[in-house]
Amino acid sequence: MEQLPSSRIELIYPFLHCGVDYAELVLIADRKGRGCRLLESYICIFVCFASKAVHLELVTELTKETYMAALNRFIAFKGKPKSIYSDNATNFVGRYTELYTLLKDSEYVSDTFQEGIGFVFAPAHSHHFDGLSKAAGRSTKHHLRRILNLTHFTFEEMTICLYQIEAVLNSRPVTQLSHSIFMILPPLHQPIS
């Protein structure tokens, strides 16, 4: 087995090197007007390579415009990443090539390229390159299945639900807890003398 890349083992600023992927289809309830329509939405998952922290964004389509909106929200919440690793999905590659041609052909410089974000794409037909993103997607789906068995949320309710799932996923310990730490801590209640 080859050595892990330095972005996975360095203790650096969170989300400086991250991966992005889309999770499964989620149906969102649109209760405007008569009845209730179900609209398709997706979960965009950003995973920090160093700490395995997760950031979840709800997007309404699998287009490059909605991916760019999710990326801008991610940058506003977590800060600018140095590199973003993803698979070769058309929304990821399409947005990158569109920004690259705008930068190359005109004097217009996109905010993403000004900020110096490097986009790294996995080779074609290599699904094993997105291990952290896929694992975060499975963990997210596990919590969503428990909540969405009997109901469909609106867009706002689903956004709040994703933030709560993100808080649960980010509260996990990164390493195995040791019992020796409890021997160092003083007892909670000291006897009054």
C-alpha atoms as a PDB file:
ATOM      1  CA  MET A   1       0.000   0.000   0.000  1.00  0.00           C
ATOM      2  CA  GLU A   2       1.270   3.434  -0.879  1.00  0.00           C
ATOM      3  CA  GLN A   3       1.869   6.221   1.656  1.00  0.00           C
ATOM      4  CA  LEU A   4      -0.991   8.600   2.403  1.00  0.00           C
ATOM      5  CA  PRO A   5      -0.669  12.030   0.774  1.00  0.00           C
ATOM      6  CA  SER A   6       0.599  14.859   2.961  1.00  0.00           C
ATOM      7  CA  SER A   7      -2.820  16.563   2.847  1.00  0.00           C
ATOM      8  CA  ARG A   8      -4.251  13.617   4.829  1.00  0.00           C
ATOM      9  CA  ILE A   9      -1.684  13.528   7.640  1.00  0.00           C
ATOM     10  CA  GLU A  10      -0.646  17.153   8.263  1.00  0.00           C
ATOM     11  CA  LEU A  11      -2.288  18.955  11.156  1.00  0.00           C
ATOM     12  CA  ILE A  12      -3.327  22.119   9.364  1.00  0.00           C
ATOM     13  CA  TYR A  13      -6.264  24.489   9.175  1.00  0.00           C
ATOM     14  CA  PRO A  14      -9.547  22.551   8.754  1.00  0.00           C
ATOM     15  CA  PHE A  15     -10.888  22.215   5.206  1.00  0.00           C
ATOM     16  CA  LEU A  16      -7.633  23.465   3.665  1.00  0.00           C
ATOM     17  CA  HIS A  17      -7.585  20.261   1.599  1.00  0.00           C
ATOM     18  CA  CYS A  18     -11.032  18.791   1.130  1.00  0.00           C
ATOM     19  CA  GLY A  19     -13.048  16.432  -1.002  1.00  0.00           C
ATOM     20  CA  VAL A  20     -16.494  17.011  -2.474  1.00  0.00           C
ATOM     21  CA  ASP A  21     -19.172  14.578  -3.579  1.00  0.00           C
ATOM     22  CA  TYR A  22     -22.934  14.376  -3.962  1.00  0.00           C
ATOM     23  CA  ALA A  23     -25.035  12.030  -1.848  1.00  0.00           C
ATOM     24  CA  GLU A  24     -28.293  10.405  -2.836  1.00  0.00           C
ATOM     25  CA  LEU A  25     -31.472  12.025  -4.067  1.00  0.00           C
ATOM     26  CA  VAL A  26     -33.634  13.633  -1.366  1.00  0.00           C
ATOM     27  CA  LEU A  27     -37.274  14.560  -1.957  1.00  0.00           C
ATOM     28  CA  ILE A  28     -38.241  18.019  -0.694  1.00  0.00           C
ATOM     29  CA  ALA A  29     -41.871  18.964  -0.069  1.00  0.00           C
ATOM     30  CA  ASP A  30     -43.202  22.066  -1.806  1.00  0.00           C
ATOM     31  CA  ARG A  31     -46.367  22.967   0.067  1.00  0.00           C
ATOM     32  CA  LYS A  32     -47.152  26.187  -1.802  1.00  0.00           C
ATOM     33  CA  GLY A  33     -50.586  26.284  -3.318  1.00  0.00           C
ATOM     34  CA  ARG A  34     -52.940  23.336  -3.373  1.00  0.00           C
ATOM     35  CA  GLY A  35     -51.534  19.988  -2.352  1.00  0.00           C
ATOM     36  CA  CYS A  36     -47.922  19.019  -1.863  1.00  0.00           C
ATOM     37  CA  ARG A  37     -45.434  18.458  -4.660  1.00  0.00           C
ATOM     38  CA  LEU A  38     -42.188  16.573  -4.121  1.00  0.00           C
ATOM     39  CA  LEU A  39     -39.096  18.174  -5.661  1.00  0.00           C
ATOM     40  CA  GLU A  40     -35.762  16.460  -6.212  1.00  0.00           C
ATOM     41  CA  SER A  41     -32.769  17.786  -4.273  1.00  0.00           C
ATOM     42  CA  TYR A  42     -29.280  16.529  -3.522  1.00  0.00           C
ATOM     43  CA  ILE A  43     -26.783  16.796  -0.685  1.00  0.00           C
ATOM     44  CA  CYS A  44     -23.362  18.230  -1.504  1.00  0.00           C
ATOM     45  CA  ILE A  45     -20.785  16.859   0.947  1.00  0.00           C
ATOM     46  CA  PHE A  46     -17.468  18.573   1.691  1.00  0.00           C
ATOM     47  CA  VAL A  47     -14.993  16.507   3.767  1.00  0.00           C
ATOM     48  CA  CYS A  48     -11.804  17.812   5.374  1.00  0.00           C
ATOM     49  CA  PHE A  49      -8.876  15.505   4.636  1.00  0.00           C
ATOM     50  CA  ALA A  50      -6.956  16.261   7.835  1.00  0.00           C
ATOM     51  CA  SER A  51      -9.706  16.059  10.465  1.00  0.00           C
ATOM     52  CA  LYS A  52     -12.486  14.225   8.554  1.00  0.00           C
ATOM     53  CA  ALA A  53     -14.886  17.017   9.475  1.00  0.00           C
ATOM     54  CA  VAL A  54     -17.989  17.246   7.286  1.00  0.00           C
ATOM     55  CA  HIS A  55     -19.891  20.193   5.787  1.00  0.00           C
ATOM     56  CA  LEU A  56     -23.291  19.518   4.180  1.00  0.00           C
ATOM     57  CA  GLU A  57     -25.067  21.735   1.649  1.00  0.00           C
ATOM     58  CA  LEU A  58     -28.493  21.169   0.118  1.00  0.00           C
ATOM     59  CA  VAL A  59     -28.683  21.800  -3.647  1.00  0.00           C
ATOM     60  CA  THR A  60     -31.730  21.610  -5.870  1.00  0.00           C
ATOM     61  CA  GLU A  61     -30.093  20.335  -9.072  1.00  0.00           C
ATOM     62  CA  LEU A  62     -26.974  18.576 -10.319  1.00  0.00           C
ATOM     63  CA  THR A  63     -25.811  21.537 -12.391  1.00  0.00           C
ATOM     64  CA  LYS A  64     -22.611  23.536 -12.343  1.00  0.00           C
ATOM     65  CA  GLU A  65     -24.493  26.657 -11.211  1.00  0.00           C
ATOM     66  CA  THR A  66     -25.879  24.995  -8.094  1.00  0.00           C
ATOM     67  CA  TYR A  67     -22.462  23.450  -7.389  1.00  0.00           C
ATOM     68  CA  MET A  68     -20.872  26.900  -7.593  1.00  0.00           C
ATOM     69  CA  ALA A  69     -23.522  28.271  -5.216  1.00  0.00           C
ATOM     70  CA  ALA A  70     -22.811  25.414  -2.772  1.00  0.00           C
ATOM     71  CA  LEU A  71     -19.069  26.055  -3.110  1.00  0.00           C
ATOM     72  CA  ASN A  72     -19.562  29.767  -2.387  1.00  0.00           C
ATOM     73  CA  ARG A  73     -21.638  28.942   0.722  1.00  0.00           C
ATOM     74  CA  PHE A  74     -18.967  26.481   1.823  1.00  0.00           C
ATOM     75  CA  ILE A  75     -16.242  29.142   1.444  1.00  0.00           C
ATOM     76  CA  ALA A  76     -18.372  31.625   3.402  1.00  0.00           C
ATOM     77  CA  PHE A  77     -18.845  29.130   6.273  1.00  0.00           C
ATOM     78  CA  LYS A  78     -15.518  27.297   6.463  1.00  0.00           C
ATOM     79  CA  GLY A  79     -12.995  29.505   4.671  1.00  0.00           C
ATOM     80  CA  LYS A  80     -11.126  29.166   1.397  1.00  0.00           C
ATOM     81  CA  PRO A  81      -9.653  25.730   0.685  1.00  0.00           C
ATOM     82  CA  LYS A  82      -6.294  25.286  -0.978  1.00  0.00           C
ATOM     83  CA  SER A  83      -7.390  22.263  -2.994  1.00  0.00           C
ATOM     84  CA  ILE A  84     -10.641  20.454  -3.692  1.00  0.00           C
ATOM     85  CA  TYR A  85     -10.589  16.805  -4.738  1.00  0.00           C
ATOM     86  CA  SER A  86     -13.560  15.350  -6.603  1.00  0.00           C
ATOM     87  CA  ASP A  87     -14.559  12.709  -9.086  1.00  0.00           C
ATOM     88  CA  ASN A  88     -15.140  13.395 -12.776  1.00  0.00           C
ATOM     89  CA  ALA A  89     -18.814  14.302 -12.478  1.00  0.00           C
ATOM     90  CA  THR A  90     -19.966  16.682 -15.190  1.00  0.00           C
ATOM     91  CA  ASN A  91     -20.995  19.406 -12.747  1.00  0.00           C
ATOM     92  CA  PHE A  92     -17.529  19.466 -11.131  1.00  0.00           C
ATOM     93  CA  VAL A  93     -15.524  19.297 -14.358  1.00  0.00           C
ATOM     94  CA  GLY A  94     -17.951  21.535 -16.255  1.00  0.00           C
ATOM     95  CA  ARG A  95     -17.681  24.320 -13.725  1.00  0.00           C
ATOM     96  CA  TYR A  96     -13.895  24.087 -13.678  1.00  0.00           C
ATOM     97  CA  THR A  97     -13.574  24.189 -17.471  1.00  0.00           C
ATOM     98  CA  GLU A  98     -16.043  27.063 -17.717  1.00  0.00           C
ATOM     99  CA  LEU A  99     -14.069  29.104 -15.183  1.00  0.00           C
ATOM    100  CA  TYR A 100     -10.796  28.187 -16.869  1.00  0.00           C
ATOM    101  CA  THR A 101     -11.959  29.328 -20.316  1.00  0.00           C
ATOM    102  CA  LEU A 102     -13.295  32.581 -18.881  1.00  0.00           C
ATOM    103  CA  LEU A 103      -9.938  33.193 -17.250  1.00  0.00           C
ATOM    104  CA  LYS A 104      -7.946  32.276 -20.353  1.00  0.00           C
ATOM    105  CA  ASP A 105     -10.037  33.991 -23.036  1.00  0.00           C
ATOM    106  CA  SER A 106     -10.906  37.284 -21.387  1.00  0.00           C
ATOM    107  CA  GLU A 107      -9.736  39.708 -18.775  1.00  0.00           C
ATOM    108  CA  TYR A 108     -12.528  38.586 -16.474  1.00  0.00           C
ATOM    109  CA  VAL A 109     -11.044  36.770 -13.510  1.00  0.00           C
ATOM    110  CA  SER A 110     -13.380  34.587 -11.496  1.00  0.00           C
ATOM    111  CA  ASP A 111     -13.480  34.813  -7.708  1.00  0.00           C
ATOM    112  CA  THR A 112     -12.586  31.131  -7.405  1.00  0.00           C
ATOM    113  CA  PHE A 113      -9.440  31.471  -9.477  1.00  0.00           C
ATOM    114  CA  GLN A 114      -8.512  34.717  -7.726  1.00  0.00           C
ATOM    115  CA  GLU A 115      -8.660  32.864  -4.449  1.00  0.00           C
ATOM    116  CA  GLY A 116      -6.246  30.242  -5.768  1.00  0.00           C
ATOM    117  CA  ILE A 117      -8.272  27.054  -5.273  1.00  0.00           C
ATOM    118  CA  GLY A 118      -6.749  24.046  -6.981  1.00  0.00           C
ATOM    119  CA  PHE A 119      -9.200  21.502  -8.389  1.00  0.00           C
ATOM    120  CA  VAL A 120      -7.948  17.907  -8.488  1.00  0.00           C
ATOM    121  CA  PHE A 121     -10.027  15.310 -10.323  1.00  0.00           C
ATOM    122  CA  ALA A 122      -9.799  11.564  -9.817  1.00  0.00           C
ATOM    123  CA  PRO A 123      -8.898   9.446 -12.846  1.00  0.00           C
ATOM    124  CA  ALA A 124     -11.754   8.042 -14.887  1.00  0.00           C
ATOM    125  CA  HIS A 125     -13.384   4.809 -13.637  1.00  0.00           C
ATOM    126  CA  SER A 126     -11.630   4.949 -10.252  1.00  0.00           C
ATOM    127  CA  HIS A 127     -14.323   5.092  -7.608  1.00  0.00           C
ATOM    128  CA  HIS A 128     -11.870   4.082  -4.882  1.00  0.00           C
ATOM    129  CA  PHE A 129     -10.302   7.577  -4.953  1.00  0.00           C
ATOM    130  CA  ASP A 130     -13.248   9.179  -3.093  1.00  0.00           C
ATOM    131  CA  GLY A 131     -13.130   7.042   0.047  1.00  0.00           C
ATOM    132  CA  LEU A 132     -13.566   9.833   2.608  1.00  0.00           C
ATOM    133  CA  SER A 133     -16.387  11.499   0.671  1.00  0.00           C
ATOM    134  CA  LYS A 134     -18.212   8.199   0.144  1.00  0.00           C
ATOM    135  CA  ALA A 135     -17.885   7.309   3.836  1.00  0.00           C
ATOM    136  CA  ALA A 136     -19.265  10.714   4.843  1.00  0.00           C
ATOM    137  CA  GLY A 137     -22.140  10.153   2.412  1.00  0.00           C
ATOM    138  CA  ARG A 138     -22.946   6.786   3.994  1.00  0.00           C
ATOM    139  CA  SER A 139     -22.909   8.316   7.486  1.00  0.00           C
ATOM    140  CA  THR A 140     -25.182  11.135   6.348  1.00  0.00           C
ATOM    141  CA  LYS A 141     -27.616   8.709   4.701  1.00  0.00           C
ATOM    142  CA  HIS A 142     -27.680   6.606   7.880  1.00  0.00           C
ATOM    143  CA  HIS A 143     -28.964   9.566   9.910  1.00  0.00           C
ATOM    144  CA  LEU A 144     -31.315  10.766   7.158  1.00  0.00           C
ATOM    145  CA  ARG A 145     -33.016   7.374   6.839  1.00  0.00           C
ATOM    146  CA  ARG A 146     -33.873   7.433  10.532  1.00  0.00           C
ATOM    147  CA  ILE A 147     -35.500  10.864  10.204  1.00  0.00           C
ATOM    148  CA  LEU A 148     -37.160  10.717   6.779  1.00  0.00           C
ATOM    149  CA  ASN A 149     -39.041   7.424   7.103  1.00  0.00           C
ATOM    150  CA  LEU A 150     -42.496   8.944   7.526  1.00  0.00           C
ATOM    151  CA  THR A 151     -42.312  12.530   6.286  1.00  0.00           C
ATOM    152  CA  HIS A 152     -40.883  14.892   3.685  1.00  0.00           C
ATOM    153  CA  PHE A 153     -39.281  18.149   4.804  1.00  0.00           C
ATOM    154  CA  THR A 154     -39.485  21.516   3.137  1.00  0.00           C
ATOM    155  CA  PHE A 155     -36.250  23.116   1.898  1.00  0.00           C
ATOM    156  CA  GLU A 156     -35.798  25.099   5.114  1.00  0.00           C
ATOM    157  CA  GLU A 157     -36.549  22.119   7.352  1.00  0.00           C
ATOM    158  CA  MET A 158     -34.135  19.919   5.392  1.00  0.00           C
ATOM    159  CA  THR A 159     -31.391  22.571   5.636  1.00  0.00           C
ATOM    160  CA  ILE A 160     -31.805  22.684   9.425  1.00  0.00           C
ATOM    161  CA  CYS A 161     -31.817  18.867   9.535  1.00  0.00           C
ATOM    162  CA  LEU A 162     -28.562  18.741   7.531  1.00  0.00           C
ATOM    163  CA  TYR A 163     -26.915  21.244   9.877  1.00  0.00           C
ATOM    164  CA  GLN A 164     -27.911  19.060  12.828  1.00  0.00           C
ATOM    165  CA  ILE A 165     -26.572  15.929  11.109  1.00  0.00           C
ATOM    166  CA  GLU A 166     -23.362  17.842  10.371  1.00  0.00           C
ATOM    167  CA  ALA A 167     -23.065  18.694  14.073  1.00  0.00           C
ATOM    168  CA  VAL A 168     -23.533  15.020  15.011  1.00  0.00           C
ATOM    169  CA  LEU A 169     -20.959  13.838  12.470  1.00  0.00           C
ATOM    170  CA  ASN A 170     -18.429  16.471  13.541  1.00  0.00           C
ATOM    171  CA  SER A 171     -18.807  15.617  17.229  1.00  0.00           C
ATOM    172  CA  ARG A 172     -17.386  12.115  16.720  1.00  0.00           C
ATOM    173  CA  PRO A 173     -13.931  11.508  18.199  1.00  0.00           C
ATOM    174  CA  VAL A 174     -11.210  11.377  15.555  1.00  0.00           C
ATOM    175  CA  THR A 175      -9.257   8.658  17.360  1.00  0.00           C
ATOM    176  CA  GLN A 176     -10.113   5.944  19.834  1.00  0.00           C
ATOM    177  CA  LEU A 177     -10.661   7.251  23.340  1.00  0.00           C
ATOM    178  CA  SER A 178      -8.332   6.006  26.009  1.00  0.00           C
ATOM    179  CA  HIS A 179      -9.436   5.118  29.529  1.00  0.00           C
ATOM    180  CA  SER A 180      -6.244   6.571  30.997  1.00  0.00           C
ATOM    181  CA  ILE A 181      -7.525  10.131  30.480  1.00  0.00           C
ATOM    182  CA  PHE A 182     -10.208   9.549  33.095  1.00  0.00           C
ATOM    183  CA  MET A 183      -7.579   8.687  35.693  1.00  0.00           C
ATOM    184  CA  ILE A 184      -5.993  12.112  35.267  1.00  0.00           C
ATOM    185  CA  LEU A 185      -9.202  14.071  35.811  1.00  0.00           C
ATOM    186  CA  PRO A 186     -10.199  14.903  39.383  1.00  0.00           C
ATOM    187  CA  PRO A 187     -13.453  13.468  40.739  1.00  0.00           C
ATOM    188  CA  LEU A 188     -16.560  15.526  40.031  1.00  0.00           C
ATOM    189  CA  HIS A 189     -17.656  15.903  43.640  1.00  0.00           C
ATOM    190  CA  GLN A 190     -15.067  16.669  46.265  1.00  0.00           C
ATOM    191  CA  PRO A 191     -16.099  15.849  49.805  1.00  0.00           C
ATOM    192  CA  ILE A 192     -16.561  18.959  51.929  1.00  0.00           C
ATOM    193  CA  SER A 193     -14.308  18.886  54.950  1.00  0.00           C
END
